[in-house]
Amino acid sequence: MKVRVTVMLKEGVLDPQGKAISHALQTLGFPGVTDVHVGKIIDLDVAGTDRAAVQKQAEDMARDLLANLVIEDFTVEVLG
């Protein structure tokens, strides 16, 4: 089953990469961009047919390895 884990910095955590992108976009003539947040998407193929079990397994993976829970939040989406 395909699973997508999205990891983003928690609200209030400094995002220097997002700030740099925001500044660069302003410089390139995109004044409508007011805030940028950078994260990561991790796509996994997980063996199994039980959606709930695959969801829980992916959440465990995110909690144990894929996200730093001190500064990051994550979401898990079972795609198929």
PDB file of N, CA and C in Angstrom:
ATOM      1  N   MET A   1       0.835  -1.168   0.000  1.00  0.00           N
ATOM      2  CA  MET A   1       0.000   0.000   0.000  1.00  0.00           C
ATOM      3  C   MET A   1       0.888   1.241   0.000  1.00  0.00           C
ATOM      4  N   LYS A   2       0.508   2.229  -0.742  1.00  0.00           N
ATOM      5  CA  LYS A   2       1.283   3.474  -0.790  1.00  0.00           C
ATOM      6  C   LYS A   2       0.844   4.387   0.354  1.00  0.00           C
ATOM      7  N   VAL A   3       1.853   4.969   0.997  1.00  0.00           N
ATOM      8  CA  VAL A   3       1.620   5.851   2.138  1.00  0.00           C
ATOM      9  C   VAL A   3       2.456   7.106   1.944  1.00  0.00           C
ATOM     10  N   ARG A   4       1.880   8.249   2.262  1.00  0.00           N
ATOM     11  CA  ARG A   4       2.611   9.514   2.196  1.00  0.00           C
ATOM     12  C   ARG A   4       2.684  10.110   3.600  1.00  0.00           C
ATOM     13  N   VAL A   5       3.914  10.377   4.033  1.00  0.00           N
ATOM     14  CA  VAL A   5       4.148  11.039   5.319  1.00  0.00           C
ATOM     15  C   VAL A   5       4.640  12.448   5.012  1.00  0.00           C
ATOM     16  N   THR A   6       3.959  13.434   5.549  1.00  0.00           N
ATOM     17  CA  THR A   6       4.348  14.833   5.376  1.00  0.00           C
ATOM     18  C   THR A   6       4.859  15.349   6.715  1.00  0.00           C
ATOM     19  N   VAL A   7       6.065  15.887   6.704  1.00  0.00           N
ATOM     20  CA  VAL A   7       6.705  16.381   7.925  1.00  0.00           C
ATOM     21  C   VAL A   7       6.938  17.882   7.763  1.00  0.00           C
ATOM     22  N   MET A   8       6.464  18.645   8.732  1.00  0.00           N
ATOM     23  CA  MET A   8       6.619  20.107   8.709  1.00  0.00           C
ATOM     24  C   MET A   8       7.094  20.578  10.083  1.00  0.00           C
ATOM     25  N   LEU A   9       7.808  21.700  10.074  1.00  0.00           N
ATOM     26  CA  LEU A   9       8.212  22.296  11.343  1.00  0.00           C
ATOM     27  C   LEU A   9       6.974  22.744  12.116  1.00  0.00           C
ATOM     28  N   LYS A  10       7.037  22.619  13.426  1.00  0.00           N
ATOM     29  CA  LYS A  10       5.931  23.077  14.269  1.00  0.00           C
ATOM     30  C   LYS A  10       5.801  24.590  14.176  1.00  0.00           C
ATOM     31  N   GLU A  11       4.598  25.064  14.421  1.00  0.00           N
ATOM     32  CA  GLU A  11       4.339  26.503  14.459  1.00  0.00           C
ATOM     33  C   GLU A  11       5.256  27.146  15.499  1.00  0.00           C
ATOM     34  N   GLY A  12       5.902  28.224  15.127  1.00  0.00           N
ATOM     35  CA  GLY A  12       6.773  28.940  16.046  1.00  0.00           C
ATOM     36  C   GLY A  12       8.239  28.518  15.975  1.00  0.00           C
ATOM     37  N   VAL A  13       8.549  27.440  15.268  1.00  0.00           N
ATOM     38  CA  VAL A  13       9.943  27.012  15.111  1.00  0.00           C
ATOM     39  C   VAL A  13      10.547  27.781  13.932  1.00  0.00           C
ATOM     40  N   LEU A  14      11.709  28.349  14.140  1.00  0.00           N
ATOM     41  CA  LEU A  14      12.390  29.121  13.104  1.00  0.00           C
ATOM     42  C   LEU A  14      12.624  28.264  11.865  1.00  0.00           C
ATOM     43  N   ASP A  15      12.268  28.796  10.697  1.00  0.00           N
ATOM     44  CA  ASP A  15      12.411  28.090   9.417  1.00  0.00           C
ATOM     45  C   ASP A  15      13.303  28.927   8.504  1.00  0.00           C
ATOM     46  N   PRO A  16      14.647  28.842   8.666  1.00  0.00           N
ATOM     47  CA  PRO A  16      15.535  29.683   7.871  1.00  0.00           C
ATOM     48  C   PRO A  16      15.442  29.393   6.370  1.00  0.00           C
ATOM     49  N   GLN A  17      15.199  28.156   5.997  1.00  0.00           N
ATOM     50  CA  GLN A  17      15.068  27.836   4.574  1.00  0.00           C
ATOM     51  C   GLN A  17      13.809  28.496   4.003  1.00  0.00           C
ATOM     52  N   GLY A  18      12.727  28.456   4.742  1.00  0.00           N
ATOM     53  CA  GLY A  18      11.498  29.127   4.312  1.00  0.00           C
ATOM     54  C   GLY A  18      11.687  30.625   4.188  1.00  0.00           C
ATOM     55  N   LYS A  19      12.395  31.215   5.145  1.00  0.00           N
ATOM     56  CA  LYS A  19      12.665  32.661   5.089  1.00  0.00           C
ATOM     57  C   LYS A  19      13.502  33.009   3.867  1.00  0.00           C
ATOM     58  N   ALA A  20      14.524  32.192   3.567  1.00  0.00           N
ATOM     59  CA  ALA A  20      15.387  32.442   2.407  1.00  0.00           C
ATOM     60  C   ALA A  20      14.584  32.353   1.110  1.00  0.00           C
ATOM     61  N   ILE A  21      13.713  31.353   1.010  1.00  0.00           N
ATOM     62  CA  ILE A  21      12.884  31.214  -0.191  1.00  0.00           C
ATOM     63  C   ILE A  21      11.934  32.387  -0.314  1.00  0.00           C
ATOM     64  N   SER A  22      11.335  32.795   0.786  1.00  0.00           N
ATOM     65  CA  SER A  22      10.418  33.933   0.774  1.00  0.00           C
ATOM     66  C   SER A  22      11.130  35.195   0.295  1.00  0.00           C
ATOM     67  N   HIS A  23      12.327  35.424   0.813  1.00  0.00           N
ATOM     68  CA  HIS A  23      13.107  36.597   0.413  1.00  0.00           C
ATOM     69  C   HIS A  23      13.463  36.522  -1.066  1.00  0.00           C
ATOM     70  N   ALA A  24      13.891  35.348  -1.529  1.00  0.00           N
ATOM     71  CA  ALA A  24      14.258  35.191  -2.936  1.00  0.00           C
ATOM     72  C   ALA A  24      13.061  35.428  -3.850  1.00  0.00           C
ATOM     73  N   LEU A  25      11.901  34.933  -3.462  1.00  0.00           N
ATOM     74  CA  LEU A  25      10.699  35.153  -4.278  1.00  0.00           C
ATOM     75  C   LEU A  25      10.347  36.638  -4.358  1.00  0.00           C
ATOM     76  N   GLN A  26      10.489  37.341  -3.242  1.00  0.00           N
ATOM     77  CA  GLN A  26      10.255  38.790  -3.241  1.00  0.00           C
ATOM     78  C   GLN A  26      11.213  39.472  -4.216  1.00  0.00           C
ATOM     79  N   THR A  27      12.485  39.077  -4.155  1.00  0.00           N
ATOM     80  CA  THR A  27      13.514  39.647  -5.019  1.00  0.00           C
ATOM     81  C   THR A  27      13.232  39.366  -6.498  1.00  0.00           C
ATOM     82  N   LEU A  28      12.659  38.206  -6.784  1.00  0.00           N
ATOM     83  CA  LEU A  28      12.352  37.827  -8.167  1.00  0.00           C
ATOM     84  C   LEU A  28      11.050  38.439  -8.686  1.00  0.00           C
ATOM     85  N   GLY A  29      10.391  39.246  -7.849  1.00  0.00           N
ATOM     86  CA  GLY A  29       9.205  39.948  -8.312  1.00  0.00           C
ATOM     87  C   GLY A  29       7.892  39.268  -7.983  1.00  0.00           C
ATOM     88  N   PHE A  30       7.866  38.481  -6.931  1.00  0.00           N
ATOM     89  CA  PHE A  30       6.625  37.845  -6.473  1.00  0.00           C
ATOM     90  C   PHE A  30       6.235  38.423  -5.112  1.00  0.00           C
ATOM     91  N   PRO A  31       5.730  39.660  -5.095  1.00  0.00           N
ATOM     92  CA  PRO A  31       5.457  40.327  -3.824  1.00  0.00           C
ATOM     93  C   PRO A  31       4.265  39.735  -3.064  1.00  0.00           C
ATOM     94  N   GLY A  32       3.445  38.927  -3.721  1.00  0.00           N
ATOM     95  CA  GLY A  32       2.273  38.359  -3.059  1.00  0.00           C
ATOM     96  C   GLY A  32       2.593  37.242  -2.084  1.00  0.00           C
ATOM     97  N   VAL A  33       3.810  36.725  -2.124  1.00  0.00           N
ATOM     98  CA  VAL A  33       4.191  35.647  -1.205  1.00  0.00           C
ATOM     99  C   VAL A  33       4.583  36.287   0.118  1.00  0.00           C
ATOM    100  N   THR A  34       3.841  35.961   1.157  1.00  0.00           N
ATOM    101  CA  THR A  34       4.098  36.592   2.448  1.00  0.00           C
ATOM    102  C   THR A  34       4.747  35.657   3.458  1.00  0.00           C
ATOM    103  N   ASP A  35       4.626  34.338   3.242  1.00  0.00           N
ATOM    104  CA  ASP A  35       5.201  33.391   4.196  1.00  0.00           C
ATOM    105  C   ASP A  35       5.451  32.070   3.483  1.00  0.00           C
ATOM    106  N   VAL A  36       6.564  31.425   3.789  1.00  0.00           N
ATOM    107  CA  VAL A  36       6.922  30.138   3.183  1.00  0.00           C
ATOM    108  C   VAL A  36       7.324  29.179   4.303  1.00  0.00           C
ATOM    109  N   HIS A  37       6.802  27.966   4.227  1.00  0.00           N
ATOM    110  CA  HIS A  37       7.189  26.910   5.162  1.00  0.00           C
ATOM    111  C   HIS A  37       7.720  25.735   4.351  1.00  0.00           C
ATOM    112  N   VAL A  38       8.877  25.238   4.720  1.00  0.00           N
ATOM    113  CA  VAL A  38       9.507  24.136   4.005  1.00  0.00           C
ATOM    114  C   VAL A  38       9.396  22.875   4.851  1.00  0.00           C
ATOM    115  N   GLY A  39       9.038  21.790   4.204  1.00  0.00           N
ATOM    116  CA  GLY A  39       8.934  20.504   4.883  1.00  0.00           C
ATOM    117  C   GLY A  39       9.445  19.405   3.985  1.00  0.00           C
ATOM    118  N   LYS A  40       9.057  18.189   4.308  1.00  0.00           N
ATOM    119  CA  LYS A  40       9.465  17.067   3.471  1.00  0.00           C
ATOM    120  C   LYS A  40       8.308  16.098   3.323  1.00  0.00           C
ATOM    121  N   ILE A  41       8.267  15.449   2.164  1.00  0.00           N
ATOM    122  CA  ILE A  41       7.279  14.413   1.887  1.00  0.00           C
ATOM    123  C   ILE A  41       8.042  13.108   1.698  1.00  0.00           C
ATOM    124  N   ILE A  42       7.594  12.078   2.389  1.00  0.00           N
ATOM    125  CA  ILE A  42       8.217  10.762   2.297  1.00  0.00           C
ATOM    126  C   ILE A  42       7.141   9.792   1.821  1.00  0.00           C
ATOM    127  N   ASP A  43       7.335   9.216   0.631  1.00  0.00           N
ATOM    128  CA  ASP A  43       6.415   8.228   0.089  1.00  0.00           C
ATOM    129  C   ASP A  43       6.964   6.836   0.374  1.00  0.00           C
ATOM    130  N   LEU A  44       6.095   5.993   0.910  1.00  0.00           N
ATOM    131  CA  LEU A  44       6.487   4.637   1.293  1.00  0.00           C
ATOM    132  C   LEU A  44       5.575   3.621   0.618  1.00  0.00           C
ATOM    133  N   ASP A  45       6.124   2.470   0.275  1.00  0.00           N
ATOM    134  CA  ASP A  45       5.332   1.304  -0.101  1.00  0.00           C
ATOM    135  C   ASP A  45       5.379   0.368   1.091  1.00  0.00           C
ATOM    136  N   VAL A  46       4.228   0.126   1.699  1.00  0.00           N
ATOM    137  CA  VAL A  46       4.144  -0.693   2.905  1.00  0.00           C
ATOM    138  C   VAL A  46       3.327  -1.943   2.590  1.00  0.00           C
ATOM    139  N   ALA A  47       3.872  -3.102   2.901  1.00  0.00           N
ATOM    140  CA  ALA A  47       3.155  -4.352   2.672  1.00  0.00           C
ATOM    141  C   ALA A  47       1.964  -4.446   3.615  1.00  0.00           C
ATOM    142  N   GLY A  48       0.857  -4.896   3.083  1.00  0.00           N
ATOM    143  CA  GLY A  48      -0.338  -5.085   3.900  1.00  0.00           C
ATOM    144  C   GLY A  48      -1.584  -4.691   3.144  1.00  0.00           C
ATOM    145  N   THR A  49      -2.713  -5.208   3.601  1.00  0.00           N
ATOM    146  CA  THR A  49      -3.989  -4.895   2.966  1.00  0.00           C
ATOM    147  C   THR A  49      -4.957  -4.209   3.915  1.00  0.00           C
ATOM    148  N   ASP A  50      -4.647  -4.225   5.193  1.00  0.00           N
ATOM    149  CA  ASP A  50      -5.495  -3.586   6.203  1.00  0.00           C
ATOM    150  C   ASP A  50      -5.087  -2.119   6.345  1.00  0.00           C
ATOM    151  N   ARG A  51      -5.950  -1.218   5.853  1.00  0.00           N
ATOM    152  CA  ARG A  51      -5.624   0.222   5.853  1.00  0.00           C
ATOM    153  C   ARG A  51      -5.292   0.736   7.249  1.00  0.00           C
ATOM    154  N   ALA A  52      -6.061   0.325   8.241  1.00  0.00           N
ATOM    155  CA  ALA A  52      -5.842   0.818   9.609  1.00  0.00           C
ATOM    156  C   ALA A  52      -4.487   0.370  10.135  1.00  0.00           C
ATOM    157  N   ALA A  53      -4.109  -0.886   9.847  1.00  0.00           N
ATOM    158  CA  ALA A  53      -2.814  -1.401  10.317  1.00  0.00           C
ATOM    159  C   ALA A  53      -1.666  -0.692   9.606  1.00  0.00           C
ATOM    160  N   VAL A  54      -1.817  -0.457   8.307  1.00  0.00           N
ATOM    161  CA  VAL A  54      -0.780   0.250   7.549  1.00  0.00           C
ATOM    162  C   VAL A  54      -0.656   1.685   8.044  1.00  0.00           C
ATOM    163  N   GLN A  55      -1.785   2.344   8.311  1.00  0.00           N
ATOM    164  CA  GLN A  55      -1.790   3.715   8.846  1.00  0.00           C
ATOM    165  C   GLN A  55      -1.026   3.761  10.163  1.00  0.00           C
ATOM    166  N   LYS A  56      -1.335   2.824  11.067  1.00  0.00           N
ATOM    167  CA  LYS A  56      -0.669   2.809  12.370  1.00  0.00           C
ATOM    168  C   LYS A  56       0.829   2.541  12.222  1.00  0.00           C
ATOM    169  N   GLN A  57       1.177   1.611  11.326  1.00  0.00           N
ATOM    170  CA  GLN A  57       2.591   1.301  11.110  1.00  0.00           C
ATOM    171  C   GLN A  57       3.342   2.530  10.592  1.00  0.00           C
ATOM    172  N   ALA A  58       2.746   3.259   9.660  1.00  0.00           N
ATOM    173  CA  ALA A  58       3.381   4.464   9.114  1.00  0.00           C
ATOM    174  C   ALA A  58       3.494   5.549  10.183  1.00  0.00           C
ATOM    175  N   GLU A  59       2.476   5.676  11.029  1.00  0.00           N
ATOM    176  CA  GLU A  59       2.553   6.651  12.130  1.00  0.00           C
ATOM    177  C   GLU A  59       3.682   6.286  13.088  1.00  0.00           C
ATOM    178  N   ASP A  60       3.841   5.001  13.364  1.00  0.00           N
ATOM    179  CA  ASP A  60       4.939   4.552  14.229  1.00  0.00           C
ATOM    180  C   ASP A  60       6.293   4.870  13.593  1.00  0.00           C
ATOM    181  N   MET A  61       6.403   4.644  12.271  1.00  0.00           N
ATOM    182  CA  MET A  61       7.647   4.969  11.566  1.00  0.00           C
ATOM    183  C   MET A  61       7.955   6.455  11.670  1.00  0.00           C
ATOM    184  N   ALA A  62       6.931   7.270  11.467  1.00  0.00           N
ATOM    185  CA  ALA A  62       7.129   8.723  11.529  1.00  0.00           C
ATOM    186  C   ALA A  62       7.551   9.140  12.931  1.00  0.00           C
ATOM    187  N   ARG A  63       6.889   8.587  13.918  1.00  0.00           N
ATOM    188  CA  ARG A  63       7.191   8.931  15.313  1.00  0.00           C
ATOM    189  C   ARG A  63       8.598   8.484  15.710  1.00  0.00           C
ATOM    190  N   ASP A  64       9.002   7.294  15.239  1.00  0.00           N
ATOM    191  CA  ASP A  64      10.283   6.718  15.657  1.00  0.00           C
ATOM    192  C   ASP A  64      11.480   7.229  14.857  1.00  0.00           C
ATOM    193  N   LEU A  65      11.258   7.609  13.582  1.00  0.00           N
ATOM    194  CA  LEU A  65      12.410   7.923  12.737  1.00  0.00           C
ATOM    195  C   LEU A  65      12.225   9.128  11.818  1.00  0.00           C
ATOM    196  N   LEU A  66      11.094   9.236  11.171  1.00  0.00           N
ATOM    197  CA  LEU A  66      10.952  10.186  10.069  1.00  0.00           C
ATOM    198  C   LEU A  66      10.790  11.636  10.516  1.00  0.00           C
ATOM    199  N   ALA A  67      10.268  11.854  11.710  1.00  0.00           N
ATOM    200  CA  ALA A  67      10.054  13.216  12.212  1.00  0.00           C
ATOM    201  C   ALA A  67      10.767  13.397  13.550  1.00  0.00           C
ATOM    202  N   ASN A  68      11.280  14.598  13.747  1.00  0.00           N
ATOM    203  CA  ASN A  68      11.839  14.977  15.046  1.00  0.00           C
ATOM    204  C   ASN A  68      10.700  15.630  15.821  1.00  0.00           C
ATOM    205  N   LEU A  69      10.080  14.899  16.717  1.00  0.00           N
ATOM    206  CA  LEU A  69       8.855  15.360  17.376  1.00  0.00           C
ATOM    207  C   LEU A  69       9.053  16.580  18.258  1.00  0.00           C
ATOM    208  N   VAL A  70      10.292  16.915  18.568  1.00  0.00           N
ATOM    209  CA  VAL A  70      10.551  18.113  19.363  1.00  0.00           C
ATOM    210  C   VAL A  70      10.235  19.363  18.541  1.00  0.00           C
ATOM    211  N   ILE A  71      10.555  19.330  17.241  1.00  0.00           N
ATOM    212  CA  ILE A  71      10.384  20.527  16.416  1.00  0.00           C
ATOM    213  C   ILE A  71       9.494  20.312  15.192  1.00  0.00           C
ATOM    214  N   GLU A  72       9.037  19.075  14.954  1.00  0.00           N
ATOM    215  CA  GLU A  72       8.268  18.798  13.742  1.00  0.00           C
ATOM    216  C   GLU A  72       6.947  18.092  14.062  1.00  0.00           C
ATOM    217  N   ASP A  73       5.955  18.353  13.218  1.00  0.00           N
ATOM    218  CA  ASP A  73       4.695  17.627  13.217  1.00  0.00           C
ATOM    219  C   ASP A  73       4.652  16.785  11.951  1.00  0.00           C
ATOM    220  N   PHE A  74       3.798  15.769  11.955  1.00  0.00           N
ATOM    221  CA  PHE A  74       3.670  14.960  10.736  1.00  0.00           C
ATOM    222  C   PHE A  74       2.219  14.564  10.522  1.00  0.00           C
ATOM    223  N   THR A  75       1.903  14.272   9.271  1.00  0.00           N
ATOM    224  CA  THR A  75       0.619  13.676   8.914  1.00  0.00           C
ATOM    225  C   THR A  75       0.905  12.444   8.072  1.00  0.00           C
ATOM    226  N   VAL A  76       0.003  11.467   8.155  1.00  0.00           N
ATOM    227  CA  VAL A  76       0.130  10.236   7.389  1.00  0.00           C
ATOM    228  C   VAL A  76      -1.138  10.065   6.566  1.00  0.00           C
ATOM    229  N   GLU A  77      -0.939   9.769   5.282  1.00  0.00           N
ATOM    230  CA  GLU A  77      -2.066   9.556   4.384  1.00  0.00           C
ATOM    231  C   GLU A  77      -1.842   8.241   3.637  1.00  0.00           C
ATOM    232  N   VAL A  78      -2.791   7.317   3.783  1.00  0.00           N
ATOM    233  CA  VAL A  78      -2.733   6.056   3.046  1.00  0.00           C
ATOM    234  C   VAL A  78      -3.341   6.326   1.672  1.00  0.00           C
ATOM    235  N   LEU A  79      -2.548   6.135   0.617  1.00  0.00           N
ATOM    236  CA  LEU A  79      -2.961   6.509  -0.732  1.00  0.00           C
ATOM    237  C   LEU A  79      -3.628   5.379  -1.492  1.00  0.00           C
ATOM    238  N   GLY A  80      -3.322   4.161  -1.163  1.00  0.00           N
ATOM    239  CA  GLY A  80      -3.940   3.066  -1.913  1.00  0.00           C
ATOM    240  C   GLY A  80      -3.469   1.723  -1.448  1.00  0.00           C
TER     241      GLY A  80
END
